[in-house]
Protein backbone atom coordinates (compact mmCIF):
# COMPACT_ATOMS: atom_id res chain seq x y z
CA MET A 1 -33.94 7.54 7.28
CA LEU A 2 -34.07 5.46 4.21
CA PHE A 3 -30.72 6.78 2.86
CA ALA A 4 -29.15 6.11 6.26
CA GLY A 5 -30.71 2.52 6.45
CA GLY A 6 -29.46 1.81 3.00
CA VAL A 7 -25.92 2.98 3.84
CA ILE A 8 -25.88 0.79 6.99
CA GLY A 9 -27.41 -2.17 5.10
CA THR A 10 -24.74 -1.85 2.35
CA ILE A 11 -21.86 -1.69 4.85
CA ALA A 12 -23.44 -4.73 6.68
CA GLU A 13 -23.25 -6.87 3.41
CA GLY A 14 -19.53 -7.07 3.35
CA PRO A 15 -16.09 -5.61 3.81
CA ASN A 16 -16.37 -3.33 0.69
CA PRO A 17 -19.75 -1.30 0.72
CA PHE A 18 -18.86 -0.07 -2.77
CA GLY A 19 -18.13 -3.30 -4.37
CA PHE A 20 -21.03 -2.88 -6.68
CA LEU A 21 -19.14 -0.05 -8.40
CA PHE A 22 -16.15 -2.08 -9.27
CA TYR A 23 -17.43 -3.94 -12.26
CA PRO A 24 -19.14 -0.99 -14.02
CA ALA A 25 -16.01 1.03 -13.57
CA LEU A 26 -13.95 -1.68 -15.33
CA TYR A 27 -16.26 -2.33 -18.15
CA PRO A 28 -15.39 0.27 -20.69
CA GLY A 29 -11.51 -0.65 -20.54
CA ALA A 30 -12.36 -4.39 -20.51
CA TYR A 31 -14.53 -4.17 -23.64
CA MET A 32 -11.99 -1.98 -25.46
CA LEU A 33 -9.18 -4.43 -24.68
CA ASP A 34 -11.39 -7.16 -25.95
CA LEU A 35 -11.82 -5.47 -29.29
CA LEU A 36 -8.05 -5.21 -29.87
CA PRO A 37 -6.57 -7.75 -32.24
CA ASP A 38 -4.51 -10.46 -30.53
CA TRP A 39 -1.23 -9.42 -32.07
CA ILE A 40 -1.38 -6.03 -30.25
CA LEU A 41 -1.29 -7.48 -26.72
CA PRO A 42 1.87 -9.57 -26.20
CA LEU A 43 1.32 -13.22 -25.03
CA GLY A 44 3.38 -12.71 -21.89
CA ILE A 45 1.29 -9.98 -20.26
CA ASN A 46 0.41 -10.58 -16.67
CA GLY A 47 -2.81 -9.73 -14.74
CA TRP A 48 -1.48 -6.47 -13.13
CA GLN A 49 -0.36 -5.16 -16.53
CA LEU A 50 -3.65 -5.92 -18.08
CA PHE A 51 -5.53 -4.29 -15.16
CA LEU A 52 -3.39 -1.25 -15.47
CA MET A 53 -4.10 -0.95 -19.25
CA GLY A 54 -7.70 -1.19 -18.54
CA ALA A 55 -7.52 1.38 -15.80
CA LEU A 56 -5.71 3.85 -18.24
CA LEU A 57 -8.31 3.22 -20.87
CA ASN A 58 -11.14 3.88 -18.34
CA VAL A 59 -9.52 7.23 -17.22
CA GLY A 60 -9.57 8.30 -20.87
CA VAL A 61 -13.07 7.10 -21.53
CA TYR A 62 -14.40 8.82 -18.29
CA PHE A 63 -12.49 12.06 -19.28
CA VAL A 64 -14.12 12.04 -22.72
CA ILE A 65 -17.54 11.50 -21.22
CA GLY A 66 -17.11 14.10 -18.66
CA TYR A 67 -15.93 16.62 -21.32
CA LEU A 68 -18.93 15.86 -23.53
CA VAL A 69 -21.39 16.16 -20.75
CA ASP A 70 -19.75 19.53 -19.76
CA TYR A 71 -19.73 20.80 -23.33
CA THR A 72 -23.37 19.84 -23.78
CA VAL A 73 -24.35 21.58 -20.62
CA ASN A 74 -22.45 24.78 -21.30
CA ARG A 75 -23.53 24.74 -25.07
CA PHE A 76 -27.33 24.41 -24.35
CA GLN A 77 -27.48 26.29 -21.11
CA VAL A 78 -30.35 28.94 -21.31
């Protein structure tokens, strides 16, 4: 009942019940783009291009994290 109540309460908060996942999903790519020097990114880049670059970086980061977790579980499996 607690789980069902939590889902209903989350949906009732707004139009996107999974909006709380949006920012953590974008953080790795956003931080990596912030670490790049200014001369790598062109000055005329628009928001959509920046968003897509961050999304592609996130896919790579999540793939590497997933691979490391899988390798660790398979390596130390008893």
